Every structure is written in C-alpha cells, then in structure tokens.
Amino acid sequence: MIENRPFVTFVSHVVLILGIVIIAFPIWVTFVAASHDAVRMTQVPLPLLPGGHFFENLVSALTKGVGNAREQSVGLMLMNSLIMALMIAVGKIAISLLSAFAIVYFRFPFRMMFFWMIFITLMLPVEVRIIPTFQVVANLGMLNNYWGLSIPLIASATATFMFRQVFLTIPDELLEAARIDGAGPMRFFKDILLPMSRTNIAALFVILFIYGWNQYLWPLLITTDKSMYTIVMGIKSMLEAAEESPEWHLIMMSSLLALLPPVMVVVFMQSLFVKGLTETEK
C-alpha cells in the first residue's frame, strides 16, 4: 500500500518545476536575444519577451557570418561540427566494437594485457598528449581537414570497456549454436552481436556525438583555415570584437543554432538511450 501524502507531492512538484525553470531560463534568454535587433540588445533592461527580428537574424547568421567569424557563415560552421561529431561517434563505436569482440571471443597471447593497455589510455586524454599528437597529425598532412579533426579523438577505452561488458553477458550457447550452423566469426559478429548491442550502440552514439560536437581545444589547435572552423570555435571568435561591440543578437542566434543538433539527437534517440544505459540482461 502506497501512502498518499498530498503535501509531499505538492512540494516535490514545486521543487521540480523550479529546477526546470532554472535550467530553461538561460535558453529562454538566448531565444529572446536572438529575436531582437542590435540596438535593443544594447539597451537596459534586457528584454525578456521575444521580438520581431527572429527570422531576419536567422537568415543573417546562416548566410553572412558574425563578427570576427564573418568570413564564414554559421551554416558552414554547423556543417563542420556535424561532420566532425559524426566521424568521431561512428569511428569510436566501430573501433570499440571490434576491439571488444577480439578481446572477448579470441584467445591470443597477452589478451588481457592488451585490454588493460587500452584501459590505461583513460589516463592520457588529448590535453595530456596534445603536442606529440599535433606533431603526428602535422607530419601526416592532416591539418585543416576533417580527418585531422576526427582521427586523433576516435580511440575510446570507455566504449571498449562497455562493449566488453555487454559481450560477456551474452550466453556462450549462442556462440556454440553459430558454430554448429557454420557461421564464421564475422558472421557471428554481424548477425548476433550487433543486433543484441543495438541499444548500447545508440546510447554511446548520443554521448559520443555530444562529446565531438563540444570539442574546442583540438579544433582550435589544428585549424588555421577559417573555412574549417567549428561552431564552438566560431562563437568564441564572434565574442572577440576589437573595436566594435559584439553583435549579441546574432551571437545568441548562433548559440541557439548550435544547441539544435545535440538536442535533436537526444530527443530522437531518447528511448534507445535510456534502454542502453539501463539494460542488464539480454
């Protein structure tokens, strides 16, 4: 029997609503600022209700660029970030799946030693090894291109560990049945392991896509051509106005556009994302 306590329920709802308001307020301010013109954004007090310049600012940001990043449109920066985030997410998942498959289902010398070597790389993020990584990328001629933006960030010990744990929960009887039916290792991997790991792949994709989308330091280091700027780099450049006031209405519009792809990925993959993080049985 569940005790009905109206007061506790009321307080819980109030706390939750306050939390939502606190989290959503900066997004609302961004939306409002993106709907006003440059003059209104320099006046006090700042507006809290939408204006009538939203679509005008949207077209201006997407086609003309903003501030110090005016040479490239926000649309191109969004495309660069999208390609980079997709390459990182898909690359991390593909490499982690194959490495976890090899560690769990193949018996070779020093198998666990290689696994722990992969796991130890968690102690060496890009920020720690950034100088030698930059030197390797530069020597391979991958500056100012998508390969240089993505490949150094593809390896993932966390994803390898997660897929290893998933594969360890799959019954050995499935492997034996696949062998009896004449399926080779790659057939077993493609027809059995991948479908059973679908929700875990989706959950990791959401996390890794947002990770790639939010990258700032590495793209800043290897990108000198403004046509390769990502949206995070572009917004930072927009704020660095030398003799002019920042175009806050366009900067906020750019920030609003930068929110959309990660939000859309989370919304459309929400059910798979939750299942991938909570499933414990196959």
C-alpha atoms as a PDB file:
ATOM      1  CA  MET A   1       0.000   0.000   0.000  1.00  0.00           C
ATOM      2  CA  ILE A   2       1.321   3.400  -1.026  1.00  0.00           C
ATOM      3  CA  GLU A   3       0.557   6.229   1.373  1.00  0.00           C
ATOM      4  CA  ASN A   4      -0.972   9.298  -0.259  1.00  0.00           C
ATOM      5  CA  ARG A   5       0.721  12.435   1.052  1.00  0.00           C
ATOM      6  CA  PRO A   6      -0.576  15.483  -0.875  1.00  0.00           C
ATOM      7  CA  PHE A   7       1.735  17.985   0.805  1.00  0.00           C
ATOM      8  CA  VAL A   8       4.885  15.985  -0.030  1.00  0.00           C
ATOM      9  CA  THR A   9       3.658  15.552  -3.597  1.00  0.00           C
ATOM     10  CA  PHE A  10       2.994  19.297  -3.882  1.00  0.00           C
ATOM     11  CA  VAL A  11       6.458  20.212  -2.556  1.00  0.00           C
ATOM     12  CA  SER A  12       8.094  17.685  -4.883  1.00  0.00           C
ATOM     13  CA  HIS A  13       6.330  19.196  -7.889  1.00  0.00           C
ATOM     14  CA  VAL A  14       7.273  22.721  -6.843  1.00  0.00           C
ATOM     15  CA  VAL A  15      10.941  21.749  -6.499  1.00  0.00           C
ATOM     16  CA  LEU A  16      10.914  20.020  -9.892  1.00  0.00           C
ATOM     17  CA  ILE A  17       9.238  22.985 -11.578  1.00  0.00           C
ATOM     18  CA  LEU A  18      11.773  25.382 -10.031  1.00  0.00           C
ATOM     19  CA  GLY A  19      14.590  23.175 -11.281  1.00  0.00           C
ATOM     20  CA  ILE A  20      13.141  23.196 -14.802  1.00  0.00           C
ATOM     21  CA  VAL A  21      12.763  26.997 -14.701  1.00  0.00           C
ATOM     22  CA  ILE A  22      16.350  27.499 -13.525  1.00  0.00           C
ATOM     23  CA  ILE A  23      17.703  25.217 -16.268  1.00  0.00           C
ATOM     24  CA  ALA A  24      15.443  26.588 -19.017  1.00  0.00           C
ATOM     25  CA  PHE A  25      15.866  30.305 -18.195  1.00  0.00           C
ATOM     26  CA  PRO A  26      19.259  30.747 -19.962  1.00  0.00           C
ATOM     27  CA  ILE A  27      17.828  29.034 -23.061  1.00  0.00           C
ATOM     28  CA  TRP A  28      14.833  31.355 -22.981  1.00  0.00           C
ATOM     29  CA  VAL A  29      17.115  34.397 -22.665  1.00  0.00           C
ATOM     30  CA  THR A  30      19.113  33.140 -25.663  1.00  0.00           C
ATOM     31  CA  PHE A  31      15.925  32.738 -27.700  1.00  0.00           C
ATOM     32  CA  VAL A  32      14.664  36.203 -26.726  1.00  0.00           C
ATOM     33  CA  ALA A  33      18.000  37.856 -27.537  1.00  0.00           C
ATOM     34  CA  ALA A  34      18.049  36.098 -30.912  1.00  0.00           C
ATOM     35  CA  SER A  35      14.698  37.676 -31.785  1.00  0.00           C
ATOM     36  CA  HIS A  36      15.715  41.335 -31.225  1.00  0.00           C
ATOM     37  CA  ASP A  37      17.871  43.739 -33.212  1.00  0.00           C
ATOM     38  CA  ALA A  38      21.339  45.006 -32.302  1.00  0.00           C
ATOM     39  CA  VAL A  39      20.087  48.335 -30.876  1.00  0.00           C
ATOM     40  CA  ARG A  40      17.634  46.732 -28.453  1.00  0.00           C
ATOM     41  CA  MET A  41      20.318  44.387 -27.115  1.00  0.00           C
ATOM     42  CA  THR A  42      22.443  47.364 -26.019  1.00  0.00           C
ATOM     43  CA  GLN A  43      19.638  48.935 -24.009  1.00  0.00           C
ATOM     44  CA  VAL A  44      18.837  48.425 -20.337  1.00  0.00           C
ATOM     45  CA  PRO A  45      16.964  46.465 -19.104  1.00  0.00           C
ATOM     46  CA  LEU A  46      17.498  43.474 -21.327  1.00  0.00           C
ATOM     47  CA  PRO A  47      14.294  42.149 -22.889  1.00  0.00           C
ATOM     48  CA  LEU A  48      12.584  39.070 -21.516  1.00  0.00           C
ATOM     49  CA  LEU A  49       9.903  38.825 -24.222  1.00  0.00           C
ATOM     50  CA  PRO A  50      10.512  37.822 -27.859  1.00  0.00           C
ATOM     51  CA  GLY A  51      10.944  40.477 -30.520  1.00  0.00           C
ATOM     52  CA  GLY A  52      10.120  40.550 -34.208  1.00  0.00           C
ATOM     53  CA  HIS A  53      13.539  40.016 -35.808  1.00  0.00           C
ATOM     54  CA  PHE A  54      13.971  36.264 -35.292  1.00  0.00           C
ATOM     55  CA  PHE A  55      13.845  35.129 -38.915  1.00  0.00           C
ATOM     56  CA  GLU A  56      15.856  38.143 -40.069  1.00  0.00           C
ATOM     57  CA  ASN A  57      18.620  37.267 -37.596  1.00  0.00           C
ATOM     58  CA  LEU A  58      18.384  33.598 -38.579  1.00  0.00           C
ATOM     59  CA  VAL A  59      18.989  34.315 -42.250  1.00  0.00           C
ATOM     60  CA  SER A  60      21.761  36.797 -41.451  1.00  0.00           C
ATOM     61  CA  ALA A  61      23.628  34.339 -39.194  1.00  0.00           C
ATOM     62  CA  LEU A  62      23.288  31.399 -41.581  1.00  0.00           C
ATOM     63  CA  THR A  63      24.408  33.280 -44.691  1.00  0.00           C
ATOM     64  CA  LYS A  64      26.591  36.252 -43.693  1.00  0.00           C
ATOM     65  CA  GLY A  65      28.521  35.231 -40.590  1.00  0.00           C
ATOM     66  CA  VAL A  66      29.067  37.229 -37.407  1.00  0.00           C
ATOM     67  CA  GLY A  67      31.829  39.491 -36.068  1.00  0.00           C
ATOM     68  CA  ASN A  68      35.385  38.173 -36.367  1.00  0.00           C
ATOM     69  CA  ALA A  69      33.945  34.980 -37.886  1.00  0.00           C
ATOM     70  CA  ARG A  70      32.198  36.926 -40.652  1.00  0.00           C
ATOM     71  CA  GLU A  71      34.332  35.304 -43.365  1.00  0.00           C
ATOM     72  CA  GLN A  72      32.416  32.052 -42.859  1.00  0.00           C
ATOM     73  CA  SER A  73      28.712  31.599 -42.330  1.00  0.00           C
ATOM     74  CA  VAL A  74      27.286  29.886 -39.289  1.00  0.00           C
ATOM     75  CA  GLY A  75      25.783  27.300 -41.640  1.00  0.00           C
ATOM     76  CA  LEU A  76      29.256  26.173 -42.746  1.00  0.00           C
ATOM     77  CA  MET A  77      30.472  26.029 -39.128  1.00  0.00           C
ATOM     78  CA  LEU A  78      27.484  23.887 -38.215  1.00  0.00           C
ATOM     79  CA  MET A  79      28.285  21.553 -41.104  1.00  0.00           C
ATOM     80  CA  ASN A  80      31.920  21.262 -39.987  1.00  0.00           C
ATOM     81  CA  SER A  81      30.842  20.440 -36.426  1.00  0.00           C
ATOM     82  CA  LEU A  82      28.282  17.929 -37.675  1.00  0.00           C
ATOM     83  CA  ILE A  83      30.787  16.072 -39.855  1.00  0.00           C
ATOM     84  CA  MET A  84      33.385  16.054 -37.085  1.00  0.00           C
ATOM     85  CA  ALA A  85      30.911  14.831 -34.436  1.00  0.00           C
ATOM     86  CA  LEU A  86      29.567  12.071 -36.715  1.00  0.00           C
ATOM     87  CA  MET A  87      33.062  10.880 -37.659  1.00  0.00           C
ATOM     88  CA  ILE A  88      34.127  10.771 -34.008  1.00  0.00           C
ATOM     89  CA  ALA A  89      30.967   8.976 -32.837  1.00  0.00           C
ATOM     90  CA  VAL A  90      30.867   6.415 -35.645  1.00  0.00           C
ATOM     91  CA  GLY A  91      34.641   5.859 -35.533  1.00  0.00           C
ATOM     92  CA  LYS A  92      34.732   5.366 -31.767  1.00  0.00           C
ATOM     93  CA  ILE A  93      31.840   2.888 -31.885  1.00  0.00           C
ATOM     94  CA  ALA A  94      33.273   0.895 -34.810  1.00  0.00           C
ATOM     95  CA  ILE A  95      36.764   0.577 -33.329  1.00  0.00           C
ATOM     96  CA  SER A  96      35.444  -0.183 -29.841  1.00  0.00           C
ATOM     97  CA  LEU A  97      33.093  -2.887 -31.136  1.00  0.00           C
ATOM     98  CA  LEU A  98      35.877  -4.650 -32.995  1.00  0.00           C
ATOM     99  CA  SER A  99      38.397  -4.377 -30.163  1.00  0.00           C
ATOM    100  CA  ALA A 100      35.887  -5.648 -27.575  1.00  0.00           C
ATOM    101  CA  PHE A 101      34.905  -8.503 -29.920  1.00  0.00           C
ATOM    102  CA  ALA A 102      38.551  -9.532 -30.293  1.00  0.00           C
ATOM    103  CA  ILE A 103      39.231  -9.376 -26.545  1.00  0.00           C
ATOM    104  CA  VAL A 104      36.162 -11.412 -25.548  1.00  0.00           C
ATOM    105  CA  TYR A 105      35.912 -14.037 -28.298  1.00  0.00           C
ATOM    106  CA  PHE A 106      39.506 -14.639 -29.427  1.00  0.00           C
ATOM    107  CA  ARG A 107      42.169 -16.383 -27.366  1.00  0.00           C
ATOM    108  CA  PHE A 108      45.565 -14.927 -28.195  1.00  0.00           C
ATOM    109  CA  PRO A 109      48.722 -14.309 -26.131  1.00  0.00           C
ATOM    110  CA  PHE A 110      48.659 -11.300 -23.789  1.00  0.00           C
ATOM    111  CA  ARG A 111      44.962 -10.734 -24.490  1.00  0.00           C
ATOM    112  CA  MET A 112      44.193  -9.206 -21.095  1.00  0.00           C
ATOM    113  CA  MET A 113      47.399  -7.221 -21.114  1.00  0.00           C
ATOM    114  CA  PHE A 114      46.270  -5.502 -24.314  1.00  0.00           C
ATOM    115  CA  PHE A 115      42.879  -4.842 -22.754  1.00  0.00           C
ATOM    116  CA  TRP A 116      44.440  -3.148 -19.739  1.00  0.00           C
ATOM    117  CA  MET A 117      46.746  -1.176 -22.019  1.00  0.00           C
ATOM    118  CA  ILE A 118      43.649   0.126 -23.771  1.00  0.00           C
ATOM    119  CA  PHE A 119      42.037   0.892 -20.413  1.00  0.00           C
ATOM    120  CA  ILE A 120      45.106   2.794 -19.178  1.00  0.00           C
ATOM    121  CA  THR A 121      44.714   5.254 -22.068  1.00  0.00           C
ATOM    122  CA  LEU A 122      41.921   6.832 -19.988  1.00  0.00           C
ATOM    123  CA  MET A 123      44.781   8.470 -18.079  1.00  0.00           C
ATOM    124  CA  LEU A 124      46.048  10.077 -21.300  1.00  0.00           C
ATOM    125  CA  PRO A 125      43.363  12.373 -22.734  1.00  0.00           C
ATOM    126  CA  VAL A 126      44.121  14.592 -25.721  1.00  0.00           C
ATOM    127  CA  GLU A 127      45.026  17.517 -23.454  1.00  0.00           C
ATOM    128  CA  VAL A 128      47.899  15.494 -21.936  1.00  0.00           C
ATOM    129  CA  ARG A 129      49.349  14.236 -25.231  1.00  0.00           C
ATOM    130  CA  ILE A 130      48.433  17.225 -27.347  1.00  0.00           C
ATOM    131  CA  ILE A 131      51.957  18.159 -28.501  1.00  0.00           C
ATOM    132  CA  PRO A 132      53.024  14.737 -29.855  1.00  0.00           C
ATOM    133  CA  THR A 133      49.534  14.220 -31.301  1.00  0.00           C
ATOM    134  CA  PHE A 134      49.744  17.549 -33.118  1.00  0.00           C
ATOM    135  CA  GLN A 135      53.191  16.630 -34.458  1.00  0.00           C
ATOM    136  CA  VAL A 136      51.907  13.315 -35.824  1.00  0.00           C
ATOM    137  CA  VAL A 137      48.879  14.966 -37.430  1.00  0.00           C
ATOM    138  CA  ALA A 138      51.029  17.687 -38.978  1.00  0.00           C
ATOM    139  CA  ASN A 139      53.549  15.169 -40.357  1.00  0.00           C
ATOM    140  CA  LEU A 140      50.703  13.217 -41.961  1.00  0.00           C
ATOM    141  CA  GLY A 141      49.386  16.363 -43.645  1.00  0.00           C
ATOM    142  CA  MET A 142      46.027  16.292 -41.853  1.00  0.00           C
ATOM    143  CA  LEU A 143      45.882  19.908 -40.693  1.00  0.00           C
ATOM    144  CA  ASN A 144      42.797  21.855 -41.765  1.00  0.00           C
ATOM    145  CA  ASN A 145      40.753  18.826 -42.793  1.00  0.00           C
ATOM    146  CA  TYR A 146      38.118  16.561 -41.307  1.00  0.00           C
ATOM    147  CA  TRP A 147      40.498  13.620 -40.846  1.00  0.00           C
ATOM    148  CA  GLY A 148      42.780  15.701 -38.644  1.00  0.00           C
ATOM    149  CA  LEU A 149      39.797  16.936 -36.636  1.00  0.00           C
ATOM    150  CA  SER A 150      38.439  13.439 -36.030  1.00  0.00           C
ATOM    151  CA  ILE A 151      41.029  10.644 -36.131  1.00  0.00           C
ATOM    152  CA  PRO A 152      43.046  11.678 -33.017  1.00  0.00           C
ATOM    153  CA  LEU A 153      39.808  11.634 -30.989  1.00  0.00           C
ATOM    154  CA  ILE A 154      38.426   8.324 -32.269  1.00  0.00           C
ATOM    155  CA  ALA A 155      40.024   5.787 -29.900  1.00  0.00           C
ATOM    156  CA  SER A 156      37.850   5.179 -26.829  1.00  0.00           C
ATOM    157  CA  ALA A 157      38.777   2.972 -23.885  1.00  0.00           C
ATOM    158  CA  THR A 158      35.418   3.665 -22.235  1.00  0.00           C
ATOM    159  CA  ALA A 159      33.430   2.374 -25.201  1.00  0.00           C
ATOM    160  CA  THR A 160      35.691  -0.679 -25.491  1.00  0.00           C
ATOM    161  CA  PHE A 161      35.136  -1.490 -21.823  1.00  0.00           C
ATOM    162  CA  MET A 162      31.378  -1.031 -22.152  1.00  0.00           C
ATOM    163  CA  PHE A 163      31.079  -3.322 -25.186  1.00  0.00           C
ATOM    164  CA  ARG A 164      33.303  -5.894 -23.496  1.00  0.00           C
ATOM    165  CA  GLN A 165      30.921  -5.994 -20.555  1.00  0.00           C
ATOM    166  CA  VAL A 166      27.969  -6.316 -22.919  1.00  0.00           C
ATOM    167  CA  PHE A 167      29.562  -9.195 -24.833  1.00  0.00           C
ATOM    168  CA  LEU A 168      30.388 -11.006 -21.579  1.00  0.00           C
ATOM    169  CA  THR A 169      26.661 -11.130 -20.733  1.00  0.00           C
ATOM    170  CA  ILE A 170      25.778 -12.919 -23.989  1.00  0.00           C
ATOM    171  CA  PRO A 171      25.325 -16.672 -23.376  1.00  0.00           C
ATOM    172  CA  ASP A 172      28.013 -18.992 -24.719  1.00  0.00           C
ATOM    173  CA  GLU A 173      25.240 -21.164 -26.163  1.00  0.00           C
ATOM    174  CA  LEU A 174      24.707 -18.564 -28.903  1.00  0.00           C
ATOM    175  CA  LEU A 175      28.340 -18.855 -29.942  1.00  0.00           C
ATOM    176  CA  GLU A 176      28.128 -22.657 -29.972  1.00  0.00           C
ATOM    177  CA  ALA A 177      24.901 -22.552 -31.992  1.00  0.00           C
ATOM    178  CA  ALA A 178      26.510 -20.214 -34.519  1.00  0.00           C
ATOM    179  CA  ARG A 179      29.490 -22.571 -34.878  1.00  0.00           C
ATOM    180  CA  ILE A 180      27.181 -25.562 -35.409  1.00  0.00           C
ATOM    181  CA  ASP A 181      25.351 -23.626 -38.134  1.00  0.00           C
ATOM    182  CA  GLY A 182      28.680 -22.911 -39.828  1.00  0.00           C
ATOM    183  CA  ALA A 183      28.829 -19.190 -39.078  1.00  0.00           C
ATOM    184  CA  GLY A 184      32.314 -17.699 -39.022  1.00  0.00           C
ATOM    185  CA  PRO A 185      33.498 -15.068 -36.534  1.00  0.00           C
ATOM    186  CA  MET A 186      32.447 -12.072 -38.634  1.00  0.00           C
ATOM    187  CA  ARG A 187      29.066 -13.624 -39.410  1.00  0.00           C
ATOM    188  CA  PHE A 188      28.512 -14.179 -35.678  1.00  0.00           C
ATOM    189  CA  PHE A 189      29.580 -10.584 -35.047  1.00  0.00           C
ATOM    190  CA  LYS A 190      27.291  -9.115 -37.724  1.00  0.00           C
ATOM    191  CA  ASP A 191      24.179 -11.266 -37.259  1.00  0.00           C
ATOM    192  CA  ILE A 192      24.160 -11.817 -33.492  1.00  0.00           C
ATOM    193  CA  LEU A 193      26.356  -9.404 -31.566  1.00  0.00           C
ATOM    194  CA  LEU A 194      25.464  -6.202 -33.424  1.00  0.00           C
ATOM    195  CA  PRO A 195      21.652  -6.637 -33.170  1.00  0.00           C
ATOM    196  CA  MET A 196      21.934  -7.515 -29.480  1.00  0.00           C
ATOM    197  CA  SER A 197      24.093  -4.433 -28.863  1.00  0.00           C
ATOM    198  CA  ARG A 198      21.769  -2.035 -30.673  1.00  0.00           C
ATOM    199  CA  THR A 199      20.592  -0.126 -27.600  1.00  0.00           C
ATOM    200  CA  ASN A 200      24.119   0.142 -26.200  1.00  0.00           C
ATOM    201  CA  ILE A 201      25.351   1.464 -29.546  1.00  0.00           C
ATOM    202  CA  ALA A 202      22.569   4.062 -29.547  1.00  0.00           C
ATOM    203  CA  ALA A 203      23.372   5.194 -26.002  1.00  0.00           C
ATOM    204  CA  LEU A 204      27.053   5.535 -26.819  1.00  0.00           C
ATOM    205  CA  PHE A 205      26.274   7.361 -30.051  1.00  0.00           C
ATOM    206  CA  VAL A 206      24.374  10.059 -28.164  1.00  0.00           C
ATOM    207  CA  ILE A 207      27.186  10.536 -25.636  1.00  0.00           C
ATOM    208  CA  LEU A 208      29.969  10.491 -28.235  1.00  0.00           C
ATOM    209  CA  PHE A 209      28.130  12.786 -30.657  1.00  0.00           C
ATOM    210  CA  ILE A 210      27.779  15.440 -27.954  1.00  0.00           C
ATOM    211  CA  TYR A 211      31.423  14.878 -26.984  1.00  0.00           C
ATOM    212  CA  GLY A 212      32.541  15.504 -30.562  1.00  0.00           C
ATOM    213  CA  TRP A 213      30.189  18.435 -31.044  1.00  0.00           C
ATOM    214  CA  ASN A 214      31.533  20.266 -27.978  1.00  0.00           C
ATOM    215  CA  GLN A 215      35.215  19.913 -28.856  1.00  0.00           C
ATOM    216  CA  TYR A 216      37.095  23.218 -28.720  1.00  0.00           C
ATOM    217  CA  LEU A 217      40.782  22.828 -27.840  1.00  0.00           C
ATOM    218  CA  TRP A 218      41.759  20.292 -30.507  1.00  0.00           C
ATOM    219  CA  PRO A 219      39.999  22.045 -33.439  1.00  0.00           C
ATOM    220  CA  LEU A 220      41.461  25.353 -32.261  1.00  0.00           C
ATOM    221  CA  LEU A 221      44.961  23.873 -32.348  1.00  0.00           C
ATOM    222  CA  ILE A 222      44.953  22.247 -35.776  1.00  0.00           C
ATOM    223  CA  THR A 223      42.663  24.644 -37.659  1.00  0.00           C
ATOM    224  CA  THR A 224      44.093  27.796 -39.225  1.00  0.00           C
ATOM    225  CA  ASP A 225      41.772  27.961 -42.226  1.00  0.00           C
ATOM    226  CA  LYS A 226      38.544  29.693 -41.225  1.00  0.00           C
ATOM    227  CA  SER A 227      36.587  27.514 -43.632  1.00  0.00           C
ATOM    228  CA  MET A 228      37.243  24.623 -41.205  1.00  0.00           C
ATOM    229  CA  TYR A 229      36.028  26.440 -38.093  1.00  0.00           C
ATOM    230  CA  THR A 230      33.559  24.505 -35.959  1.00  0.00           C
ATOM    231  CA  ILE A 231      30.560  26.232 -34.396  1.00  0.00           C
ATOM    232  CA  VAL A 232      32.142  26.258 -30.923  1.00  0.00           C
ATOM    233  CA  MET A 233      35.240  27.978 -32.306  1.00  0.00           C
ATOM    234  CA  GLY A 234      33.061  30.341 -34.312  1.00  0.00           C
ATOM    235  CA  ILE A 235      31.034  31.507 -31.311  1.00  0.00           C
ATOM    236  CA  LYS A 236      34.262  32.195 -29.401  1.00  0.00           C
ATOM    237  CA  SER A 237      35.552  34.246 -32.352  1.00  0.00           C
ATOM    238  CA  MET A 238      32.300  36.219 -32.528  1.00  0.00           C
ATOM    239  CA  LEU A 239      32.864  37.429 -28.973  1.00  0.00           C
ATOM    240  CA  GLU A 240      36.332  38.811 -29.775  1.00  0.00           C
ATOM    241  CA  ALA A 241      35.297  42.136 -31.274  1.00  0.00           C
ATOM    242  CA  ALA A 242      38.261  44.520 -31.343  1.00  0.00           C
ATOM    243  CA  GLU A 243      36.772  47.972 -31.949  1.00  0.00           C
ATOM    244  CA  GLU A 244      33.122  47.041 -32.332  1.00  0.00           C
ATOM    245  CA  SER A 245      30.519  45.951 -29.842  1.00  0.00           C
ATOM    246  CA  PRO A 246      29.680  42.249 -30.117  1.00  0.00           C
ATOM    247  CA  GLU A 247      26.590  41.586 -32.227  1.00  0.00           C
ATOM    248  CA  TRP A 248      24.751  39.938 -29.382  1.00  0.00           C
ATOM    249  CA  HIS A 249      21.573  39.268 -31.319  1.00  0.00           C
ATOM    250  CA  LEU A 250      23.487  37.259 -33.946  1.00  0.00           C
ATOM    251  CA  ILE A 251      25.761  35.612 -31.381  1.00  0.00           C
ATOM    252  CA  MET A 252      22.707  34.395 -29.469  1.00  0.00           C
ATOM    253  CA  MET A 253      21.137  33.179 -32.695  1.00  0.00           C
ATOM    254  CA  SER A 254      24.340  31.233 -33.442  1.00  0.00           C
ATOM    255  CA  SER A 255      24.285  29.770 -29.926  1.00  0.00           C
ATOM    256  CA  LEU A 256      20.656  28.753 -30.407  1.00  0.00           C
ATOM    257  CA  LEU A 257      21.515  27.020 -33.684  1.00  0.00           C
ATOM    258  CA  ALA A 258      24.460  25.282 -32.009  1.00  0.00           C
ATOM    259  CA  LEU A 259      22.051  23.771 -29.464  1.00  0.00           C
ATOM    260  CA  LEU A 260      19.776  22.173 -32.047  1.00  0.00           C
ATOM    261  CA  PRO A 261      21.778  19.162 -33.361  1.00  0.00           C
ATOM    262  CA  PRO A 262      22.672  17.720 -29.904  1.00  0.00           C
ATOM    263  CA  VAL A 263      19.129  18.299 -28.677  1.00  0.00           C
ATOM    264  CA  MET A 264      17.667  16.597 -31.763  1.00  0.00           C
ATOM    265  CA  VAL A 265      19.968  13.591 -31.323  1.00  0.00           C
ATOM    266  CA  VAL A 266      18.925  13.216 -27.671  1.00  0.00           C
ATOM    267  CA  VAL A 267      15.206  13.657 -28.434  1.00  0.00           C
ATOM    268  CA  PHE A 268      15.048  11.228 -31.361  1.00  0.00           C
ATOM    269  CA  MET A 269      17.184   8.590 -29.654  1.00  0.00           C
ATOM    270  CA  GLN A 270      15.873   9.049 -26.126  1.00  0.00           C
ATOM    271  CA  SER A 271      14.180   5.660 -25.779  1.00  0.00           C
ATOM    272  CA  LEU A 272      17.187   3.738 -27.099  1.00  0.00           C
ATOM    273  CA  PHE A 273      19.499   5.906 -24.997  1.00  0.00           C
ATOM    274  CA  VAL A 274      17.659   5.049 -21.766  1.00  0.00           C
ATOM    275  CA  LYS A 275      17.477   1.348 -22.631  1.00  0.00           C
ATOM    276  CA  GLY A 276      21.176   1.242 -23.489  1.00  0.00           C
ATOM    277  CA  LEU A 277      22.137   2.695 -20.104  1.00  0.00           C
ATOM    278  CA  THR A 278      19.729   0.608 -18.018  1.00  0.00           C
ATOM    279  CA  GLU A 279      19.599  -2.822 -19.679  1.00  0.00           C
ATOM    280  CA  THR A 280      21.434  -5.511 -17.753  1.00  0.00           C
ATOM    281  CA  GLU A 281      20.019  -8.659 -19.325  1.00  0.00           C
ATOM    282  CA  LYS A 282      19.969  -9.944 -22.863  1.00  0.00           C
END
